[in-house]
């Protein structure tokens, strides 16, 4: 019988961000732990460099160019834990400017087993957004954060 691979559900993931000197900044470590309802932006792309060979008019040679990484967007229900806001303030302030985090995102299968691991390197908070406040709505307050990543890798968990 062939080995069947089933696609993962998008709701079954785990996020953890850690900062090296969290206690010195008044933050908990890990900074956040599995608190997000939505994550988007795990994307890398490469810009190939096209070279034309002299005398060869029928084709071009594509060489490996720069790899770029998208910003990662995290969304969660707002709670009294303000560590993400404190991290943004520390990273954009004078004393601890550019305070970076590292991260792990785990995708799990239906049985709850870790299957794929994304490792994030050089995470820098670049945007944080408070929830829209509307007394008529009665919806959950969702805060949003965007982080720039220097790079990330993907591996089997």
N, C-alpha and C. Protein backbone atom coordinates (compact mmCIF):
# COMPACT_ATOMS: atom_id res chain seq x y z
N UNK A 1 0.85 -1.17 0.00
CA UNK A 1 0.00 0.00 0.00
C UNK A 1 0.90 1.24 0.00
N UNK A 2 0.61 2.24 -0.84
CA UNK A 2 1.45 3.42 -0.92
C UNK A 2 1.32 4.28 0.35
N UNK A 3 2.40 4.97 0.68
CA UNK A 3 2.40 5.89 1.81
C UNK A 3 1.67 7.16 1.41
N UNK A 4 0.55 7.46 2.09
CA UNK A 4 -0.25 8.62 1.72
C UNK A 4 0.11 9.80 2.61
N UNK A 5 0.30 10.94 1.99
CA UNK A 5 0.57 12.19 2.70
C UNK A 5 -0.68 13.05 2.63
N UNK A 6 -1.15 13.49 3.77
CA UNK A 6 -2.33 14.35 3.82
C UNK A 6 -1.89 15.78 4.10
N UNK A 7 -2.55 16.75 3.51
CA UNK A 7 -2.19 18.15 3.78
C UNK A 7 -2.54 18.52 5.22
N UNK A 8 -1.82 19.50 5.74
CA UNK A 8 -2.04 19.96 7.11
C UNK A 8 -3.21 20.94 7.16
N UNK A 9 -3.88 20.97 8.28
CA UNK A 9 -4.91 21.98 8.52
C UNK A 9 -4.22 23.29 8.90
N UNK A 10 -4.74 24.39 8.43
CA UNK A 10 -4.09 25.68 8.70
C UNK A 10 -4.34 26.20 10.11
N UNK A 11 -5.28 25.60 10.84
CA UNK A 11 -5.57 26.09 12.18
C UNK A 11 -4.68 25.44 13.24
N UNK A 12 -3.90 24.45 12.88
CA UNK A 12 -3.14 23.68 13.85
C UNK A 12 -1.67 24.08 13.83
N UNK A 13 -1.36 25.21 14.47
CA UNK A 13 0.02 25.70 14.48
C UNK A 13 0.36 26.27 15.85
N UNK A 14 1.66 26.41 16.09
CA UNK A 14 2.19 26.86 17.37
C UNK A 14 3.28 27.90 17.08
N UNK A 15 3.26 29.02 17.79
CA UNK A 15 4.23 30.09 17.57
C UNK A 15 4.93 30.39 18.89
N UNK A 16 6.25 30.57 18.83
CA UNK A 16 7.00 30.98 20.01
C UNK A 16 8.07 31.97 19.58
N UNK A 17 8.11 33.13 20.25
CA UNK A 17 9.14 34.14 20.03
C UNK A 17 9.94 34.30 21.31
N UNK A 18 11.26 34.32 21.20
CA UNK A 18 12.12 34.48 22.37
C UNK A 18 13.13 35.60 22.12
N UNK A 19 13.50 36.27 23.21
CA UNK A 19 14.49 37.35 23.18
C UNK A 19 15.61 36.97 24.13
N UNK A 20 16.84 37.20 23.72
CA UNK A 20 18.00 36.80 24.51
C UNK A 20 18.01 37.45 25.90
N UNK A 21 17.81 38.75 26.00
CA UNK A 21 17.88 39.46 27.27
C UNK A 21 16.50 39.94 27.70
N UNK A 22 15.54 39.04 27.73
CA UNK A 22 14.15 39.42 28.01
C UNK A 22 13.99 40.00 29.41
N UNK A 23 14.59 39.38 30.41
CA UNK A 23 14.41 39.85 31.79
C UNK A 23 14.99 41.25 31.98
N UNK A 24 16.07 41.57 31.29
CA UNK A 24 16.66 42.91 31.37
C UNK A 24 15.76 43.98 30.77
N UNK A 25 14.84 43.58 29.92
CA UNK A 25 13.90 44.51 29.30
C UNK A 25 12.54 44.50 29.98
N UNK A 26 12.40 43.69 31.02
CA UNK A 26 11.12 43.58 31.70
C UNK A 26 10.11 42.74 30.94
N UNK A 27 10.58 41.82 30.12
CA UNK A 27 9.71 40.97 29.30
C UNK A 27 9.80 39.53 29.78
N UNK A 28 8.78 38.75 29.49
CA UNK A 28 8.82 37.33 29.80
C UNK A 28 9.54 36.60 28.67
N UNK A 29 10.06 35.42 28.97
CA UNK A 29 10.73 34.62 27.96
C UNK A 29 10.17 33.21 28.03
N UNK A 30 9.49 32.68 27.04
CA UNK A 30 9.32 33.27 25.72
C UNK A 30 8.39 34.48 25.74
N UNK A 31 8.63 35.34 24.78
CA UNK A 31 7.86 36.58 24.64
C UNK A 31 6.38 36.28 24.39
N UNK A 32 6.12 35.31 23.57
CA UNK A 32 4.77 34.84 23.32
C UNK A 32 4.85 33.36 23.03
N UNK A 33 3.77 32.68 23.33
CA UNK A 33 3.78 31.23 23.27
C UNK A 33 2.41 30.76 22.82
N UNK A 34 2.23 30.47 21.53
CA UNK A 34 1.01 29.86 21.00
C UNK A 34 -0.24 30.72 21.21
N UNK A 35 -0.13 32.01 21.08
CA UNK A 35 -1.24 32.90 21.36
C UNK A 35 -1.92 33.46 20.12
N UNK A 36 -1.57 33.01 18.95
CA UNK A 36 -2.02 33.69 17.74
C UNK A 36 -3.12 32.91 17.03
N UNK A 37 -4.09 33.65 16.54
CA UNK A 37 -5.19 33.05 15.79
C UNK A 37 -4.91 33.06 14.29
N UNK A 38 -3.95 33.88 13.88
CA UNK A 38 -3.65 33.99 12.45
C UNK A 38 -2.19 34.37 12.26
N UNK A 39 -1.55 33.77 11.27
CA UNK A 39 -0.16 34.07 10.92
C UNK A 39 -0.07 34.07 9.41
N UNK A 40 0.57 35.09 8.86
CA UNK A 40 0.68 35.19 7.41
C UNK A 40 2.05 35.77 7.06
N UNK A 41 2.58 35.43 5.91
CA UNK A 41 3.79 36.04 5.41
C UNK A 41 5.02 35.16 5.41
N UNK A 42 4.87 33.87 5.62
CA UNK A 42 6.03 32.97 5.53
C UNK A 42 6.35 32.78 4.05
N UNK A 43 7.09 33.71 3.52
CA UNK A 43 7.36 33.72 2.08
C UNK A 43 8.80 34.13 1.83
N UNK A 44 9.45 33.40 0.95
CA UNK A 44 10.78 33.78 0.49
C UNK A 44 10.79 33.76 -1.02
N UNK A 45 11.53 34.67 -1.60
CA UNK A 45 11.62 34.70 -3.05
C UNK A 45 13.04 35.05 -3.46
N UNK A 46 13.39 34.64 -4.66
CA UNK A 46 14.72 34.87 -5.19
C UNK A 46 14.61 35.66 -6.48
N UNK A 47 15.48 36.63 -6.63
CA UNK A 47 15.53 37.43 -7.84
C UNK A 47 16.70 36.94 -8.68
N UNK A 48 16.43 36.16 -9.73
CA UNK A 48 17.54 35.62 -10.52
C UNK A 48 18.25 36.72 -11.31
N UNK A 49 19.52 36.50 -11.51
CA UNK A 49 20.30 37.40 -12.36
C UNK A 49 20.42 36.75 -13.73
N UNK A 50 19.98 37.45 -14.74
CA UNK A 50 19.99 36.93 -16.09
C UNK A 50 21.24 37.41 -16.81
N UNK A 51 21.96 36.45 -17.38
CA UNK A 51 23.20 36.76 -18.09
C UNK A 51 23.06 36.25 -19.52
N UNK A 52 23.44 37.07 -20.46
CA UNK A 52 23.44 36.66 -21.86
C UNK A 52 24.86 36.26 -22.25
N UNK A 53 24.97 35.09 -22.84
CA UNK A 53 26.27 34.62 -23.30
C UNK A 53 26.55 35.20 -24.67
N UNK A 54 27.75 35.66 -24.87
CA UNK A 54 28.12 36.17 -26.17
C UNK A 54 28.08 35.09 -27.23
N UNK A 55 27.40 35.33 -28.32
CA UNK A 55 27.33 34.37 -29.42
C UNK A 55 26.20 33.36 -29.27
N UNK A 56 25.58 33.28 -28.09
CA UNK A 56 24.48 32.34 -27.89
C UNK A 56 23.18 33.16 -27.83
N UNK A 57 22.51 33.30 -28.96
CA UNK A 57 21.31 34.12 -29.03
C UNK A 57 20.03 33.36 -28.75
N UNK A 58 20.11 32.05 -28.51
CA UNK A 58 18.89 31.25 -28.35
C UNK A 58 18.47 31.08 -26.89
N UNK A 59 19.32 31.46 -25.95
CA UNK A 59 18.94 31.30 -24.54
C UNK A 59 19.72 32.25 -23.66
N UNK A 60 19.21 32.40 -22.44
CA UNK A 60 19.88 33.18 -21.41
C UNK A 60 20.22 32.25 -20.25
N UNK A 61 21.19 32.63 -19.45
CA UNK A 61 21.56 31.86 -18.27
C UNK A 61 21.04 32.60 -17.04
N UNK A 62 20.29 31.89 -16.19
CA UNK A 62 19.78 32.47 -14.96
C UNK A 62 20.65 32.03 -13.79
N UNK A 63 21.23 33.00 -13.10
CA UNK A 63 22.06 32.72 -11.93
C UNK A 63 21.28 33.06 -10.66
N UNK A 64 21.67 32.42 -9.57
CA UNK A 64 21.02 32.67 -8.29
C UNK A 64 21.30 34.11 -7.86
N UNK A 65 20.23 34.82 -7.51
CA UNK A 65 20.35 36.20 -7.05
C UNK A 65 20.00 36.33 -5.58
N UNK A 66 19.64 37.51 -5.19
CA UNK A 66 19.33 37.81 -3.80
C UNK A 66 18.03 37.13 -3.37
N UNK A 67 18.03 36.60 -2.16
CA UNK A 67 16.83 36.01 -1.57
C UNK A 67 16.24 37.04 -0.61
N UNK A 68 14.94 37.27 -0.72
CA UNK A 68 14.26 38.20 0.18
C UNK A 68 13.16 37.47 0.93
N UNK A 69 12.83 38.01 2.10
CA UNK A 69 11.83 37.40 2.98
C UNK A 69 10.74 38.42 3.26
N UNK A 70 9.50 37.96 3.23
CA UNK A 70 8.37 38.84 3.50
C UNK A 70 8.26 39.13 4.99
N UNK A 71 7.52 40.19 5.31
CA UNK A 71 7.20 40.46 6.69
C UNK A 71 6.16 39.44 7.16
N UNK A 72 6.30 39.01 8.40
CA UNK A 72 5.37 38.06 8.99
C UNK A 72 4.34 38.85 9.79
N UNK A 73 3.07 38.56 9.56
CA UNK A 73 1.98 39.22 10.27
C UNK A 73 1.37 38.25 11.26
N UNK A 74 1.27 38.68 12.50
CA UNK A 74 0.69 37.89 13.58
C UNK A 74 -0.57 38.59 14.09
N UNK A 75 -1.63 37.83 14.31
CA UNK A 75 -2.86 38.39 14.86
C UNK A 75 -3.29 37.54 16.04
N UNK A 76 -3.75 38.23 17.09
CA UNK A 76 -4.23 37.52 18.27
C UNK A 76 -5.29 38.34 18.98
N UNK A 77 -6.06 37.66 19.80
CA UNK A 77 -7.01 38.35 20.66
C UNK A 77 -6.25 39.11 21.73
N UNK A 78 -6.57 40.38 21.91
CA UNK A 78 -5.83 41.20 22.86
C UNK A 78 -6.13 40.77 24.29
N UNK A 79 -5.09 40.67 25.09
CA UNK A 79 -5.20 40.32 26.51
C UNK A 79 -4.43 41.36 27.32
N UNK A 80 -4.33 41.14 28.62
CA UNK A 80 -3.58 42.06 29.47
C UNK A 80 -2.07 41.84 29.37
N UNK A 81 -1.62 40.80 28.66
CA UNK A 81 -0.19 40.60 28.42
C UNK A 81 0.25 41.56 27.33
N UNK A 82 1.05 42.54 27.71
CA UNK A 82 1.47 43.59 26.77
C UNK A 82 2.92 43.44 26.33
N UNK A 83 3.46 42.23 26.41
CA UNK A 83 4.87 42.01 26.07
C UNK A 83 5.19 42.38 24.62
N UNK A 84 4.29 42.13 23.68
CA UNK A 84 4.57 42.51 22.30
C UNK A 84 4.69 44.03 22.17
N UNK A 85 3.85 44.76 22.89
CA UNK A 85 3.91 46.23 22.88
C UNK A 85 5.21 46.71 23.53
N UNK A 86 5.61 46.05 24.61
CA UNK A 86 6.86 46.41 25.28
C UNK A 86 8.07 46.12 24.40
N UNK A 87 8.00 44.99 23.66
CA UNK A 87 9.09 44.65 22.75
C UNK A 87 9.21 45.71 21.66
N UNK A 88 8.09 46.13 21.09
CA UNK A 88 8.12 47.17 20.07
C UNK A 88 8.72 48.45 20.64
N UNK A 89 8.31 48.83 21.85
CA UNK A 89 8.85 50.04 22.48
C UNK A 89 10.35 49.92 22.73
N UNK A 90 10.80 48.75 23.16
CA UNK A 90 12.23 48.55 23.40
C UNK A 90 13.02 48.59 22.09
N UNK A 91 12.51 47.94 21.06
CA UNK A 91 13.22 47.87 19.78
C UNK A 91 13.28 49.21 19.07
N UNK A 92 12.30 50.08 19.32
CA UNK A 92 12.28 51.37 18.65
C UNK A 92 12.83 52.49 19.54
N UNK A 93 13.15 52.18 20.79
CA UNK A 93 13.68 53.19 21.72
C UNK A 93 15.17 53.38 21.56
N UNK A 94 15.72 54.24 22.40
CA UNK A 94 17.15 54.56 22.31
C UNK A 94 18.03 53.55 23.02
N UNK A 95 17.65 53.14 24.23
CA UNK A 95 18.53 52.30 25.04
C UNK A 95 18.71 50.90 24.46
N UNK A 96 17.66 50.28 24.01
CA UNK A 96 17.72 48.90 23.51
C UNK A 96 17.32 48.82 22.04
N UNK A 97 17.70 49.81 21.29
CA UNK A 97 17.32 49.90 19.89
C UNK A 97 17.66 48.62 19.13
N UNK A 98 16.77 48.21 18.27
CA UNK A 98 16.93 47.03 17.42
C UNK A 98 16.98 45.72 18.20
N UNK A 99 16.28 45.65 19.33
CA UNK A 99 16.20 44.39 20.08
C UNK A 99 15.48 43.36 19.22
N UNK A 100 16.17 42.28 18.91
CA UNK A 100 15.64 41.27 17.99
C UNK A 100 15.26 40.00 18.73
N UNK A 101 14.38 39.26 18.13
CA UNK A 101 13.92 37.99 18.68
C UNK A 101 14.21 36.89 17.67
N UNK A 102 14.11 35.67 18.13
CA UNK A 102 14.12 34.52 17.23
C UNK A 102 12.80 33.80 17.44
N UNK A 103 12.41 33.02 16.47
CA UNK A 103 11.09 32.40 16.57
C UNK A 103 11.05 31.01 15.99
N UNK A 104 10.03 30.29 16.42
CA UNK A 104 9.75 28.95 15.91
C UNK A 104 8.26 28.88 15.64
N UNK A 105 7.91 28.37 14.48
CA UNK A 105 6.52 28.11 14.13
C UNK A 105 6.42 26.63 13.80
N UNK A 106 5.55 25.94 14.51
CA UNK A 106 5.37 24.51 14.29
C UNK A 106 4.01 24.26 13.66
N UNK A 107 3.98 23.49 12.60
CA UNK A 107 2.72 23.04 12.02
C UNK A 107 2.50 21.62 12.51
N UNK A 108 1.26 21.35 12.93
CA UNK A 108 0.94 20.04 13.50
C UNK A 108 -0.08 19.32 12.63
N UNK A 109 -0.05 17.99 12.71
CA UNK A 109 -1.05 17.21 11.99
C UNK A 109 -2.31 17.08 12.85
N UNK A 110 -3.29 16.32 12.37
CA UNK A 110 -4.56 16.17 13.09
C UNK A 110 -4.40 15.50 14.44
N UNK A 111 -3.36 14.71 14.61
CA UNK A 111 -3.12 14.03 15.89
C UNK A 111 -2.37 14.92 16.87
N UNK A 112 -1.99 16.13 16.46
CA UNK A 112 -1.27 17.04 17.34
C UNK A 112 0.23 16.85 17.32
N UNK A 113 0.74 16.04 16.42
CA UNK A 113 2.17 15.81 16.31
C UNK A 113 2.82 16.92 15.48
N UNK A 114 3.96 17.41 15.95
CA UNK A 114 4.71 18.42 15.19
C UNK A 114 5.23 17.81 13.91
N UNK A 115 4.98 18.46 12.78
CA UNK A 115 5.37 17.90 11.49
C UNK A 115 6.38 18.77 10.73
N UNK A 116 6.17 20.09 10.75
CA UNK A 116 7.05 21.01 10.03
C UNK A 116 7.43 22.14 10.97
N UNK A 117 8.71 22.52 10.93
CA UNK A 117 9.22 23.60 11.79
C UNK A 117 9.80 24.71 10.91
N UNK A 118 9.30 25.93 11.13
CA UNK A 118 9.88 27.12 10.53
C UNK A 118 10.69 27.82 11.62
N UNK A 119 11.96 28.07 11.36
CA UNK A 119 12.80 28.80 12.31
C UNK A 119 13.02 30.21 11.78
N UNK A 120 12.65 31.22 12.58
CA UNK A 120 12.79 32.61 12.19
C UNK A 120 14.02 33.21 12.86
N UNK A 121 14.79 33.97 12.10
CA UNK A 121 16.03 34.57 12.60
C UNK A 121 15.99 36.09 12.43
N UNK A 122 16.47 36.80 13.44
CA UNK A 122 16.57 38.25 13.35
C UNK A 122 15.24 38.95 13.26
N UNK A 123 14.28 38.57 14.09
CA UNK A 123 12.93 39.16 14.06
C UNK A 123 12.95 40.56 14.67
N UNK A 124 12.44 41.52 13.95
CA UNK A 124 12.38 42.91 14.39
C UNK A 124 10.95 43.40 14.24
N UNK A 125 10.33 43.90 15.32
CA UNK A 125 8.95 44.38 15.19
C UNK A 125 8.91 45.68 14.39
N UNK A 126 8.08 45.73 13.36
CA UNK A 126 8.03 46.93 12.52
C UNK A 126 6.67 47.61 12.55
N UNK A 127 5.66 46.91 13.06
CA UNK A 127 4.34 47.52 13.14
C UNK A 127 3.52 46.79 14.20
N UNK A 128 2.82 47.56 15.01
CA UNK A 128 1.88 46.97 15.95
C UNK A 128 0.61 47.79 15.89
N UNK A 129 -0.52 47.09 15.90
CA UNK A 129 -1.79 47.76 15.68
C UNK A 129 -2.78 47.34 16.76
N UNK A 130 -3.36 48.34 17.40
CA UNK A 130 -4.39 48.08 18.41
C UNK A 130 -5.68 47.68 17.72
N UNK A 131 -6.55 46.98 18.42
CA UNK A 131 -7.82 46.58 17.80
C UNK A 131 -8.73 47.76 17.57
N UNK A 132 -9.60 47.62 16.58
CA UNK A 132 -10.65 48.62 16.37
C UNK A 132 -11.65 48.48 17.51
N UNK A 133 -12.01 49.59 18.11
CA UNK A 133 -12.94 49.57 19.24
C UNK A 133 -14.32 50.00 18.76
N UNK A 134 -15.30 49.13 18.97
CA UNK A 134 -16.66 49.40 18.51
C UNK A 134 -17.63 48.80 19.53
N UNK A 135 -18.33 49.64 20.25
CA UNK A 135 -19.24 49.19 21.30
C UNK A 135 -20.44 48.42 20.74
N UNK A 136 -20.80 48.65 19.49
CA UNK A 136 -21.95 47.98 18.88
C UNK A 136 -21.64 46.55 18.44
N UNK A 137 -20.39 46.30 18.13
CA UNK A 137 -20.00 45.03 17.53
C UNK A 137 -20.09 43.83 18.47
N UNK A 138 -19.48 43.93 19.63
CA UNK A 138 -19.42 42.80 20.55
C UNK A 138 -18.42 41.74 20.12
N UNK A 139 -17.51 42.07 19.19
CA UNK A 139 -16.52 41.12 18.70
C UNK A 139 -15.28 41.11 19.61
N UNK A 140 -14.46 40.11 19.45
CA UNK A 140 -13.21 40.01 20.21
C UNK A 140 -12.23 41.04 19.67
N UNK A 141 -11.51 41.69 20.58
CA UNK A 141 -10.50 42.69 20.20
C UNK A 141 -9.27 41.96 19.65
N UNK A 142 -8.91 42.23 18.41
CA UNK A 142 -7.77 41.58 17.75
C UNK A 142 -6.66 42.60 17.56
N UNK A 143 -5.47 42.29 18.09
CA UNK A 143 -4.32 43.13 17.83
C UNK A 143 -3.46 42.46 16.77
N UNK A 144 -2.68 43.27 16.08
CA UNK A 144 -1.89 42.78 14.95
C UNK A 144 -0.47 43.29 15.06
N UNK A 145 0.50 42.43 14.75
CA UNK A 145 1.90 42.83 14.74
C UNK A 145 2.56 42.32 13.47
N UNK A 146 3.40 43.16 12.88
CA UNK A 146 4.22 42.74 11.74
C UNK A 146 5.67 42.73 12.19
N UNK A 147 6.36 41.67 11.81
CA UNK A 147 7.79 41.58 12.12
C UNK A 147 8.56 41.34 10.83
N UNK A 148 9.70 41.99 10.73
CA UNK A 148 10.62 41.74 9.63
C UNK A 148 11.57 40.63 10.09
N UNK A 149 11.88 39.72 9.20
CA UNK A 149 12.81 38.63 9.53
C UNK A 149 14.01 38.72 8.61
N UNK A 150 15.20 38.47 9.21
CA UNK A 150 16.41 38.44 8.39
C UNK A 150 16.39 37.23 7.47
N UNK A 151 15.94 36.09 8.02
CA UNK A 151 15.84 34.87 7.23
C UNK A 151 15.00 33.87 8.01
N UNK A 152 14.61 32.81 7.34
CA UNK A 152 13.99 31.68 8.02
C UNK A 152 14.32 30.40 7.29
N UNK A 153 14.21 29.31 8.01
CA UNK A 153 14.45 27.99 7.40
C UNK A 153 13.26 27.12 7.72
N UNK A 154 13.07 26.08 6.92
CA UNK A 154 11.99 25.13 7.13
C UNK A 154 12.59 23.73 7.15
N UNK A 155 12.10 22.92 8.08
CA UNK A 155 12.62 21.55 8.23
C UNK A 155 11.51 20.66 8.79
N UNK A 156 11.72 19.36 8.67
CA UNK A 156 10.79 18.42 9.29
C UNK A 156 10.96 18.50 10.79
N UNK A 157 9.87 18.43 11.52
CA UNK A 157 9.93 18.54 12.99
C UNK A 157 10.32 17.22 13.61
